[in-house]
Amino acid sequence: MPRVHVCEVGPRDGLQNARHLMSTEAKKAWISALAAAGLREIEVGSFVPPKLIPAMADTAEVVRHSLQIQGLKVVALAPNLKGFQRALEAGAHKVTFPVSASRAHSESNVRMTPEQMVEEVRKCARLGGAQIEGAVSTAFGCTMQGVVPEDEVVRIAASLAEFCDAVALADTVGYANPAQVKRLFRLVRSQIGSKLEGAHFHNTRGLGLANALAAYEEGVRNFDSSMGGLGGCPFAPGASGNVITEDLVFMFESMGVSTGIDLEKLFQARKILTEAIPEEPVYGHTPLAGLPKGFRAAA
């Protein structure tokens, strides 16, 4: 049976751009419920300066809680060497680094050029201590810069593949379309092979699921998504809404592609989210419409 792997990024990407703060205890309960639903990899927070993103001030505590959940790969984001060291101290299994293909976004997001950011990740890789993923952000376009040349995306991905355990392509601002997704994943894979593992899409313009399906058809089997479609980069104007976990799981399961995730339990985890930050808008066709009569999960 075909399978895909879903990494829930709501506790990090989802909450970093939310207008309302979720309490630490609610985060812990939410992450535990997500794991109980079958998520085996969760990006639980980021090690960034709290003054820049207050929602991530408790990431170390959230990581320590998540490490107690059996079978869960605990992921954190780091923007630099200092953040990576903090992630190691907390015990994160995997650390994701955002390396923007857009110079304008890179300087706004991490205060470094793309080339400087690649070298920063290289320093971290030399230290070791955790799995490292290099995520090429704004790979499909940028609200600051506009068009991002595909050869620049390939160049950065190839540089990261030299020392990262895995590379992902991220549509940070929701510019991608399925044809572009197919072309760029095929192009990057021709250069770095199996090191290209993941896809991170936003649903800003309603093409999130279509792009995920296009990536799947190009051989991608690892997808990021966020419960309720929460998310966005605070340093990229117009970067709203990740691919919705509930809809992504339903799409694959209804296709006969197993995610290992129980949709009913996923809906229960959604209740924890909506009760913790009730003022925050959440999205998702599947949880609102319910599962179709006769629906049977792939597994």
C-alpha atoms as a PDB file:
ATOM      1  CA  MET A   1       0.000   0.000   0.000  1.00  0.00           C
ATOM      2  CA  PRO A   2       1.395   3.460  -0.883  1.00  0.00           C
ATOM      3  CA  ARG A   3       2.207   5.680   2.085  1.00  0.00           C
ATOM      4  CA  VAL A   4       3.066   9.304   2.811  1.00  0.00           C
ATOM      5  CA  HIS A   5       4.593  10.889   5.886  1.00  0.00           C
ATOM      6  CA  VAL A   6       2.967  14.024   7.324  1.00  0.00           C
ATOM      7  CA  CYS A   7       4.812  16.416   9.622  1.00  0.00           C
ATOM      8  CA  GLU A   8       2.487  18.678  11.618  1.00  0.00           C
ATOM      9  CA  VAL A   9       3.955  22.188  11.767  1.00  0.00           C
ATOM     10  CA  GLY A  10       1.031  23.926  13.484  1.00  0.00           C
ATOM     11  CA  PRO A  11       2.731  24.377  16.874  1.00  0.00           C
ATOM     12  CA  ARG A  12       5.528  26.287  15.123  1.00  0.00           C
ATOM     13  CA  ASP A  13       4.502  27.699  11.736  1.00  0.00           C
ATOM     14  CA  GLY A  14       0.865  27.852  12.750  1.00  0.00           C
ATOM     15  CA  LEU A  15       1.281  29.704  16.021  1.00  0.00           C
ATOM     16  CA  GLN A  16       4.149  32.029  15.051  1.00  0.00           C
ATOM     17  CA  ASN A  17       1.816  34.188  12.960  1.00  0.00           C
ATOM     18  CA  ALA A  18      -1.304  33.839  15.124  1.00  0.00           C
ATOM     19  CA  ARG A  19      -2.723  36.987  16.687  1.00  0.00           C
ATOM     20  CA  HIS A  20      -3.447  35.208  19.962  1.00  0.00           C
ATOM     21  CA  LEU A  21      -1.025  33.337  22.203  1.00  0.00           C
ATOM     22  CA  MET A  22      -1.640  29.717  23.153  1.00  0.00           C
ATOM     23  CA  SER A  23      -0.684  28.785  26.703  1.00  0.00           C
ATOM     24  CA  THR A  24       2.180  26.370  27.240  1.00  0.00           C
ATOM     25  CA  GLU A  25      -0.126  23.799  28.850  1.00  0.00           C
ATOM     26  CA  ALA A  26      -2.521  23.995  25.910  1.00  0.00           C
ATOM     27  CA  LYS A  27       0.379  23.479  23.504  1.00  0.00           C
ATOM     28  CA  LYS A  28       1.425  20.362  25.393  1.00  0.00           C
ATOM     29  CA  ALA A  29      -2.119  18.972  25.357  1.00  0.00           C
ATOM     30  CA  TRP A  30      -2.474  19.756  21.644  1.00  0.00           C
ATOM     31  CA  ILE A  31       0.804  18.080  20.715  1.00  0.00           C
ATOM     32  CA  SER A  32      -0.090  15.018  22.792  1.00  0.00           C
ATOM     33  CA  ALA A  33      -3.462  14.780  21.015  1.00  0.00           C
ATOM     34  CA  LEU A  34      -1.813  15.131  17.604  1.00  0.00           C
ATOM     35  CA  ALA A  35       0.551  12.296  18.457  1.00  0.00           C
ATOM     36  CA  ALA A  36      -2.373  10.190  19.689  1.00  0.00           C
ATOM     37  CA  ALA A  37      -4.027  10.729  16.294  1.00  0.00           C
ATOM     38  CA  GLY A  38      -1.031   9.152  14.584  1.00  0.00           C
ATOM     39  CA  LEU A  39       1.297  12.059  13.797  1.00  0.00           C
ATOM     40  CA  ARG A  40       4.829  10.710  14.138  1.00  0.00           C
ATOM     41  CA  GLU A  41       6.659  13.957  13.451  1.00  0.00           C
ATOM     42  CA  ILE A  42       5.709  17.362  14.862  1.00  0.00           C
ATOM     43  CA  GLU A  43       7.518  20.674  14.537  1.00  0.00           C
ATOM     44  CA  VAL A  44       6.828  21.866  18.061  1.00  0.00           C
ATOM     45  CA  GLY A  45       8.410  25.323  18.004  1.00  0.00           C
ATOM     46  CA  SER A  46      11.343  27.482  16.973  1.00  0.00           C
ATOM     47  CA  PHE A  47      14.377  28.791  18.790  1.00  0.00           C
ATOM     48  CA  VAL A  48      14.123  32.435  17.807  1.00  0.00           C
ATOM     49  CA  PRO A  49      14.417  35.562  19.989  1.00  0.00           C
ATOM     50  CA  PRO A  50      11.171  35.790  22.038  1.00  0.00           C
ATOM     51  CA  LYS A  51      11.093  39.551  21.497  1.00  0.00           C
ATOM     52  CA  LEU A  52      10.646  38.882  17.768  1.00  0.00           C
ATOM     53  CA  ILE A  53       8.134  36.026  18.071  1.00  0.00           C
ATOM     54  CA  PRO A  54       6.670  35.889  21.619  1.00  0.00           C
ATOM     55  CA  ALA A  55       4.648  32.758  20.776  1.00  0.00           C
ATOM     56  CA  MET A  56       7.900  30.755  20.663  1.00  0.00           C
ATOM     57  CA  ALA A  57       9.237  31.827  24.078  1.00  0.00           C
ATOM     58  CA  ASP A  58       8.356  28.465  25.666  1.00  0.00           C
ATOM     59  CA  THR A  59       9.798  26.227  22.933  1.00  0.00           C
ATOM     60  CA  ALA A  60      12.409  24.559  25.159  1.00  0.00           C
ATOM     61  CA  GLU A  61       9.732  23.507  27.644  1.00  0.00           C
ATOM     62  CA  VAL A  62       7.468  22.283  24.836  1.00  0.00           C
ATOM     63  CA  VAL A  63      10.334  20.255  23.354  1.00  0.00           C
ATOM     64  CA  ARG A  64      11.024  18.605  26.717  1.00  0.00           C
ATOM     65  CA  HIS A  65       7.361  17.637  27.037  1.00  0.00           C
ATOM     66  CA  SER A  66       7.237  16.277  23.485  1.00  0.00           C
ATOM     67  CA  LEU A  67      10.303  14.105  24.060  1.00  0.00           C
ATOM     68  CA  GLN A  68       8.254  12.107  26.560  1.00  0.00           C
ATOM     69  CA  ILE A  69       5.823  10.986  23.837  1.00  0.00           C
ATOM     70  CA  GLN A  70       6.898   7.556  22.674  1.00  0.00           C
ATOM     71  CA  GLY A  71       7.561   7.211  18.964  1.00  0.00           C
ATOM     72  CA  LEU A  72       7.384  10.954  18.208  1.00  0.00           C
ATOM     73  CA  LYS A  73      10.127  12.688  16.249  1.00  0.00           C
ATOM     74  CA  VAL A  74      10.444  16.130  17.823  1.00  0.00           C
ATOM     75  CA  VAL A  75      11.367  18.871  15.358  1.00  0.00           C
ATOM     76  CA  ALA A  76      12.324  22.478  15.985  1.00  0.00           C
ATOM     77  CA  LEU A  77      13.248  25.329  13.674  1.00  0.00           C
ATOM     78  CA  ALA A  78      16.427  27.348  14.122  1.00  0.00           C
ATOM     79  CA  PRO A  79      17.497  30.444  12.179  1.00  0.00           C
ATOM     80  CA  ASN A  80      21.164  30.402  13.158  1.00  0.00           C
ATOM     81  CA  LEU A  81      23.923  28.732  15.185  1.00  0.00           C
ATOM     82  CA  LYS A  82      22.664  30.091  18.495  1.00  0.00           C
ATOM     83  CA  GLY A  83      19.183  28.732  17.822  1.00  0.00           C
ATOM     84  CA  PHE A  84      20.660  25.378  16.831  1.00  0.00           C
ATOM     85  CA  GLN A  85      22.634  25.180  20.075  1.00  0.00           C
ATOM     86  CA  ARG A  86      19.474  25.902  22.057  1.00  0.00           C
ATOM     87  CA  ALA A  87      17.638  23.187  20.110  1.00  0.00           C
ATOM     88  CA  LEU A  88      20.388  20.701  20.949  1.00  0.00           C
ATOM     89  CA  GLU A  89      20.279  21.662  24.623  1.00  0.00           C
ATOM     90  CA  ALA A  90      16.528  21.054  24.669  1.00  0.00           C
ATOM     91  CA  GLY A  91      16.996  17.673  22.968  1.00  0.00           C
ATOM     92  CA  ALA A  92      15.244  18.132  19.607  1.00  0.00           C
ATOM     93  CA  HIS A  93      15.638  15.130  17.308  1.00  0.00           C
ATOM     94  CA  LYS A  94      15.610  17.196  14.132  1.00  0.00           C
ATOM     95  CA  VAL A  95      16.279  20.851  13.367  1.00  0.00           C
ATOM     96  CA  THR A  96      14.953  22.616  10.280  1.00  0.00           C
ATOM     97  CA  PHE A  97      16.725  25.660   8.876  1.00  0.00           C
ATOM     98  CA  PRO A  98      14.886  28.103   6.582  1.00  0.00           C
ATOM     99  CA  VAL A  99      17.227  29.074   3.745  1.00  0.00           C
ATOM    100  CA  SER A 100      15.462  31.515   1.489  1.00  0.00           C
ATOM    101  CA  ALA A 101      16.084  31.543  -2.242  1.00  0.00           C
ATOM    102  CA  SER A 102      14.976  35.196  -2.195  1.00  0.00           C
ATOM    103  CA  ARG A 103      17.658  37.618  -1.059  1.00  0.00           C
ATOM    104  CA  ALA A 104      15.056  40.172   0.065  1.00  0.00           C
ATOM    105  CA  HIS A 105      13.178  37.634   2.183  1.00  0.00           C
ATOM    106  CA  SER A 106      16.379  36.124   3.583  1.00  0.00           C
ATOM    107  CA  GLU A 107      17.621  39.476   4.826  1.00  0.00           C
ATOM    108  CA  SER A 108      14.225  40.263   6.331  1.00  0.00           C
ATOM    109  CA  ASN A 109      13.745  36.837   7.921  1.00  0.00           C
ATOM    110  CA  VAL A 110      17.202  35.892   9.227  1.00  0.00           C
ATOM    111  CA  ARG A 111      19.250  39.072   8.664  1.00  0.00           C
ATOM    112  CA  MET A 112      21.585  37.166   6.337  1.00  0.00           C
ATOM    113  CA  THR A 113      21.997  36.715   2.608  1.00  0.00           C
ATOM    114  CA  PRO A 114      21.165  33.263   1.232  1.00  0.00           C
ATOM    115  CA  GLU A 115      24.885  32.528   0.882  1.00  0.00           C
ATOM    116  CA  GLN A 116      25.566  33.521   4.493  1.00  0.00           C
ATOM    117  CA  MET A 117      22.663  31.368   5.664  1.00  0.00           C
ATOM    118  CA  VAL A 118      24.012  28.336   3.806  1.00  0.00           C
ATOM    119  CA  GLU A 119      27.340  28.795   5.601  1.00  0.00           C
ATOM    120  CA  GLU A 120      25.531  29.166   8.937  1.00  0.00           C
ATOM    121  CA  VAL A 121      23.798  25.829   8.400  1.00  0.00           C
ATOM    122  CA  ARG A 122      27.138  24.283   7.388  1.00  0.00           C
ATOM    123  CA  LYS A 123      28.604  25.319  10.764  1.00  0.00           C
ATOM    124  CA  CYS A 124      25.702  23.652  12.548  1.00  0.00           C
ATOM    125  CA  ALA A 125      26.073  20.473  10.520  1.00  0.00           C
ATOM    126  CA  ARG A 126      29.707  20.240  11.606  1.00  0.00           C
ATOM    127  CA  LEU A 127      28.597  20.296  15.247  1.00  0.00           C
ATOM    128  CA  GLY A 128      26.169  17.402  14.746  1.00  0.00           C
ATOM    129  CA  GLY A 129      23.836  16.232  17.495  1.00  0.00           C
ATOM    130  CA  ALA A 130      20.566  16.274  15.541  1.00  0.00           C
ATOM    131  CA  GLN A 131      19.197  15.504  12.110  1.00  0.00           C
ATOM    132  CA  ILE A 132      19.335  18.613   9.922  1.00  0.00           C
ATOM    133  CA  GLU A 133      16.886  19.603   7.192  1.00  0.00           C
ATOM    134  CA  GLY A 134      17.576  22.498   4.884  1.00  0.00           C
ATOM    135  CA  ALA A 135      14.287  24.001   3.743  1.00  0.00           C
ATOM    136  CA  VAL A 136      14.604  26.178   0.659  1.00  0.00           C
ATOM    137  CA  SER A 137      11.963  28.798   1.420  1.00  0.00           C
ATOM    138  CA  THR A 138      10.309  31.144  -1.119  1.00  0.00           C
ATOM    139  CA  ALA A 139      11.301  28.516  -3.677  1.00  0.00           C
ATOM    140  CA  PHE A 140       8.299  29.318  -5.879  1.00  0.00           C
ATOM    141  CA  GLY A 141       8.216  33.100  -5.551  1.00  0.00           C
ATOM    142  CA  CYS A 142       8.437  35.934  -3.030  1.00  0.00           C
ATOM    143  CA  THR A 143       6.108  38.785  -2.099  1.00  0.00           C
ATOM    144  CA  MET A 144       9.139  41.056  -1.625  1.00  0.00           C
ATOM    145  CA  GLN A 145      11.256  40.092  -4.611  1.00  0.00           C
ATOM    146  CA  GLY A 146       8.662  38.653  -6.972  1.00  0.00           C
ATOM    147  CA  VAL A 147      10.068  35.990  -9.288  1.00  0.00           C
ATOM    148  CA  VAL A 148      12.706  33.685  -7.785  1.00  0.00           C
ATOM    149  CA  PRO A 149      14.911  32.166 -10.522  1.00  0.00           C
ATOM    150  CA  GLU A 150      14.691  28.386 -10.593  1.00  0.00           C
ATOM    151  CA  ASP A 151      18.449  28.043 -11.079  1.00  0.00           C
ATOM    152  CA  GLU A 152      18.906  29.914  -7.790  1.00  0.00           C
ATOM    153  CA  VAL A 153      16.649  27.388  -6.036  1.00  0.00           C
ATOM    154  CA  VAL A 154      18.649  24.531  -7.545  1.00  0.00           C
ATOM    155  CA  ARG A 155      21.954  26.152  -6.527  1.00  0.00           C
ATOM    156  CA  ILE A 156      20.900  26.585  -2.900  1.00  0.00           C
ATOM    157  CA  ALA A 157      19.377  23.104  -2.711  1.00  0.00           C
ATOM    158  CA  ALA A 158      22.577  21.588  -4.101  1.00  0.00           C
ATOM    159  CA  SER A 159      24.688  23.499  -1.578  1.00  0.00           C
ATOM    160  CA  LEU A 160      22.513  22.294   1.314  1.00  0.00           C
ATOM    161  CA  ALA A 161      22.540  18.716   0.032  1.00  0.00           C
ATOM    162  CA  GLU A 162      26.306  18.617   0.586  1.00  0.00           C
ATOM    163  CA  PHE A 163      25.910  18.527   4.373  1.00  0.00           C
ATOM    164  CA  CYS A 164      22.201  18.352   5.310  1.00  0.00           C
ATOM    165  CA  ASP A 165      20.435  15.058   5.995  1.00  0.00           C
ATOM    166  CA  ALA A 166      17.487  16.170   3.875  1.00  0.00           C
ATOM    167  CA  VAL A 167      16.335  19.070   1.721  1.00  0.00           C
ATOM    168  CA  ALA A 168      12.793  20.401   1.276  1.00  0.00           C
ATOM    169  CA  LEU A 169      11.210  22.975  -1.014  1.00  0.00           C
ATOM    170  CA  ALA A 170       8.864  25.472   0.613  1.00  0.00           C
ATOM    171  CA  ASP A 171       6.217  27.692  -0.956  1.00  0.00           C
ATOM    172  CA  THR A 172       6.431  30.265   1.821  1.00  0.00           C
ATOM    173  CA  VAL A 173       3.989  32.755   0.341  1.00  0.00           C
ATOM    174  CA  GLY A 174       1.595  30.524  -1.594  1.00  0.00           C
ATOM    175  CA  TYR A 175       2.746  31.454  -5.102  1.00  0.00           C
ATOM    176  CA  ALA A 176       3.155  27.915  -6.482  1.00  0.00           C
ATOM    177  CA  ASN A 177       0.951  26.185  -9.032  1.00  0.00           C
ATOM    178  CA  PRO A 178       0.914  22.442  -9.847  1.00  0.00           C
ATOM    179  CA  ALA A 179       2.796  22.749 -13.138  1.00  0.00           C
ATOM    180  CA  GLN A 180       5.521  24.790 -11.453  1.00  0.00           C
ATOM    181  CA  VAL A 181       5.683  22.307  -8.574  1.00  0.00           C
ATOM    182  CA  LYS A 182       6.196  19.390 -10.927  1.00  0.00           C
ATOM    183  CA  ARG A 183       8.865  21.228 -12.918  1.00  0.00           C
ATOM    184  CA  LEU A 184      10.867  22.491  -9.943  1.00  0.00           C
ATOM    185  CA  PHE A 185      10.809  19.261  -7.939  1.00  0.00           C
ATOM    186  CA  ARG A 186      11.896  17.359 -11.046  1.00  0.00           C
ATOM    187  CA  LEU A 187      14.682  19.870 -11.703  1.00  0.00           C
ATOM    188  CA  VAL A 188      16.025  19.846  -8.146  1.00  0.00           C
ATOM    189  CA  ARG A 189      15.783  16.068  -7.862  1.00  0.00           C
ATOM    190  CA  SER A 190      17.853  15.712 -11.028  1.00  0.00           C
ATOM    191  CA  GLN A 191      20.643  17.531  -9.184  1.00  0.00           C
ATOM    192  CA  ILE A 192      20.474  16.166  -5.634  1.00  0.00           C
ATOM    193  CA  GLY A 193      18.560  12.893  -5.975  1.00  0.00           C
ATOM    194  CA  SER A 194      17.074  11.322  -2.866  1.00  0.00           C
ATOM    195  CA  LYS A 195      18.298  14.147  -0.620  1.00  0.00           C
ATOM    196  CA  LEU A 196      15.196  16.045  -1.824  1.00  0.00           C
ATOM    197  CA  GLU A 197      12.594  14.672   0.570  1.00  0.00           C
ATOM    198  CA  GLY A 198      10.011  17.222   1.645  1.00  0.00           C
ATOM    199  CA  ALA A 199       7.378  19.677   0.460  1.00  0.00           C
ATOM    200  CA  HIS A 200       6.009  22.600   2.454  1.00  0.00           C
ATOM    201  CA  PHE A 201       3.051  24.334   0.816  1.00  0.00           C
ATOM    202  CA  HIS A 202       0.806  27.218   1.789  1.00  0.00           C
ATOM    203  CA  ASN A 203      -2.838  27.461   0.834  1.00  0.00           C
ATOM    204  CA  THR A 204      -2.783  31.240   0.458  1.00  0.00           C
ATOM    205  CA  ARG A 205      -4.441  31.150  -2.960  1.00  0.00           C
ATOM    206  CA  GLY A 206      -6.315  27.875  -2.589  1.00  0.00           C
ATOM    207  CA  LEU A 207      -3.831  25.646  -4.412  1.00  0.00           C
ATOM    208  CA  GLY A 208      -2.300  23.885  -1.427  1.00  0.00           C
ATOM    209  CA  LEU A 209      -3.834  20.457  -2.012  1.00  0.00           C
ATOM    210  CA  ALA A 210      -3.354  20.658  -5.773  1.00  0.00           C
ATOM    211  CA  ASN A 211       0.325  21.426  -5.237  1.00  0.00           C
ATOM    212  CA  ALA A 212       0.678  18.588  -2.722  1.00  0.00           C
ATOM    213  CA  LEU A 213      -0.831  16.162  -5.224  1.00  0.00           C
ATOM    214  CA  ALA A 214       1.496  17.428  -7.944  1.00  0.00           C
ATOM    215  CA  ALA A 215       4.480  16.877  -5.636  1.00  0.00           C
ATOM    216  CA  TYR A 216       3.222  13.382  -4.796  1.00  0.00           C
ATOM    217  CA  GLU A 217       3.056  12.579  -8.496  1.00  0.00           C
ATOM    218  CA  GLU A 218       6.713  13.657  -8.710  1.00  0.00           C
ATOM    219  CA  GLY A 219       7.668  11.148  -6.029  1.00  0.00           C
ATOM    220  CA  VAL A 220       7.525  13.325  -2.896  1.00  0.00           C
ATOM    221  CA  ARG A 221       6.397  11.362   0.153  1.00  0.00           C
ATOM    222  CA  ASN A 222       7.061  13.809   3.011  1.00  0.00           C
ATOM    223  CA  PHE A 223       4.670  16.709   3.516  1.00  0.00           C
ATOM    224  CA  ASP A 224       4.395  19.518   6.046  1.00  0.00           C
ATOM    225  CA  SER A 225       0.929  20.741   7.000  1.00  0.00           C
ATOM    226  CA  SER A 226      -0.762  22.736   9.730  1.00  0.00           C
ATOM    227  CA  MET A 227      -3.975  21.934  11.574  1.00  0.00           C
ATOM    228  CA  GLY A 228      -6.745  24.344  10.698  1.00  0.00           C
ATOM    229  CA  GLY A 229      -4.568  25.960   8.042  1.00  0.00           C
ATOM    230  CA  LEU A 230      -2.869  28.166  10.610  1.00  0.00           C
ATOM    231  CA  GLY A 231       0.439  29.689   9.701  1.00  0.00           C
ATOM    232  CA  GLY A 232       2.556  32.159   7.846  1.00  0.00           C
ATOM    233  CA  CYS A 233       5.892  33.922   8.062  1.00  0.00           C
ATOM    234  CA  PRO A 234       5.807  37.149  10.105  1.00  0.00           C
ATOM    235  CA  PHE A 235       8.619  38.512   7.931  1.00  0.00           C
ATOM    236  CA  ALA A 236       7.028  37.784   4.547  1.00  0.00           C
ATOM    237  CA  PRO A 237       4.025  40.010   3.752  1.00  0.00           C
ATOM    238  CA  GLY A 238       0.975  38.068   2.611  1.00  0.00           C
ATOM    239  CA  ALA A 239       2.308  34.676   3.724  1.00  0.00           C
ATOM    240  CA  SER A 240      -0.890  33.272   5.155  1.00  0.00           C
ATOM    241  CA  GLY A 241      -2.177  29.784   5.745  1.00  0.00           C
ATOM    242  CA  ASN A 242      -0.413  26.440   5.476  1.00  0.00           C
ATOM    243  CA  VAL A 243      -1.875  23.399   3.767  1.00  0.00           C
ATOM    244  CA  ILE A 244      -4.611  22.137   6.108  1.00  0.00           C
ATOM    245  CA  THR A 245      -3.647  18.899   7.846  1.00  0.00           C
ATOM    246  CA  GLU A 246      -7.213  17.591   8.072  1.00  0.00           C
ATOM    247  CA  ASP A 247      -7.836  18.073   4.340  1.00  0.00           C
ATOM    248  CA  LEU A 248      -4.418  16.752   3.313  1.00  0.00           C
ATOM    249  CA  VAL A 249      -4.915  13.559   5.335  1.00  0.00           C
ATOM    250  CA  PHE A 250      -8.432  13.088   3.955  1.00  0.00           C
ATOM    251  CA  MET A 251      -7.236  13.556   0.382  1.00  0.00           C
ATOM    252  CA  PHE A 252      -4.516  10.937   0.668  1.00  0.00           C
ATOM    253  CA  GLU A 253      -6.579   8.453   2.680  1.00  0.00           C
ATOM    254  CA  SER A 254      -9.497   8.689   0.240  1.00  0.00           C
ATOM    255  CA  MET A 255      -7.014   8.014  -2.595  1.00  0.00           C
ATOM    256  CA  GLY A 256      -5.889   4.820  -0.882  1.00  0.00           C
ATOM    257  CA  VAL A 257      -2.590   6.359   0.246  1.00  0.00           C
ATOM    258  CA  SER A 258      -1.977   5.666   3.918  1.00  0.00           C
ATOM    259  CA  THR A 259      -0.893   8.435   6.286  1.00  0.00           C
ATOM    260  CA  GLY A 260      -1.181   6.380   9.478  1.00  0.00           C
ATOM    261  CA  ILE A 261      -3.369   9.166  10.913  1.00  0.00           C
ATOM    262  CA  ASP A 262      -6.827   8.625  12.406  1.00  0.00           C
ATOM    263  CA  LEU A 263      -9.108  11.388  11.138  1.00  0.00           C
ATOM    264  CA  GLU A 264     -11.609  11.156  14.006  1.00  0.00           C
ATOM    265  CA  LYS A 265      -8.791  11.546  16.529  1.00  0.00           C
ATOM    266  CA  LEU A 266      -7.400  14.372  14.424  1.00  0.00           C
ATOM    267  CA  PHE A 267     -10.738  16.171  14.783  1.00  0.00           C
ATOM    268  CA  GLN A 268     -10.459  15.729  18.567  1.00  0.00           C
ATOM    269  CA  ALA A 269      -7.039  17.389  18.492  1.00  0.00           C
ATOM    270  CA  ARG A 270      -8.605  20.227  16.508  1.00  0.00           C
ATOM    271  CA  LYS A 271     -11.026  20.858  19.397  1.00  0.00           C
ATOM    272  CA  ILE A 272      -8.103  21.445  21.740  1.00  0.00           C
ATOM    273  CA  LEU A 273      -6.720  24.007  19.291  1.00  0.00           C
ATOM    274  CA  THR A 274      -9.995  25.882  18.809  1.00  0.00           C
ATOM    275  CA  GLU A 275     -10.784  25.914  22.529  1.00  0.00           C
ATOM    276  CA  ALA A 276      -7.298  27.184  23.419  1.00  0.00           C
ATOM    277  CA  ILE A 277      -7.386  30.145  21.005  1.00  0.00           C
ATOM    278  CA  PRO A 278     -11.089  30.556  20.131  1.00  0.00           C
ATOM    279  CA  GLU A 279     -10.582  34.003  18.580  1.00  0.00           C
ATOM    280  CA  GLU A 280      -8.173  32.635  15.977  1.00  0.00           C
ATOM    281  CA  PRO A 281      -9.790  31.713  12.616  1.00  0.00           C
ATOM    282  CA  VAL A 282      -9.211  28.097  11.576  1.00  0.00           C
ATOM    283  CA  TYR A 283     -10.041  26.464   8.278  1.00  0.00           C
ATOM    284  CA  GLY A 284     -10.663  23.034   6.798  1.00  0.00           C
ATOM    285  CA  HIS A 285     -13.388  21.610   4.579  1.00  0.00           C
ATOM    286  CA  THR A 286     -13.173  18.073   5.943  1.00  0.00           C
ATOM    287  CA  PRO A 287     -13.755  18.794   9.658  1.00  0.00           C
ATOM    288  CA  LEU A 288     -16.618  21.154   8.812  1.00  0.00           C
ATOM    289  CA  ALA A 289     -18.378  18.863   6.321  1.00  0.00           C
ATOM    290  CA  GLY A 290     -17.566  15.611   8.112  1.00  0.00           C
ATOM    291  CA  LEU A 291     -16.431  12.349   6.612  1.00  0.00           C
ATOM    292  CA  PRO A 292     -18.549  10.953   3.748  1.00  0.00           C
ATOM    293  CA  LYS A 293     -20.828   8.007   4.467  1.00  0.00           C
ATOM    294  CA  GLY A 294     -19.007   4.788   3.755  1.00  0.00           C
ATOM    295  CA  PHE A 295     -15.579   6.428   3.977  1.00  0.00           C
ATOM    296  CA  ARG A 296     -12.835   3.958   4.701  1.00  0.00           C
ATOM    297  CA  ALA A 297      -9.300   4.985   5.512  1.00  0.00           C
ATOM    298  CA  ALA A 298      -6.513   3.536   3.414  1.00  0.00           C
ATOM    299  CA  ALA A 299      -5.094   1.509   6.294  1.00  0.00           C
END
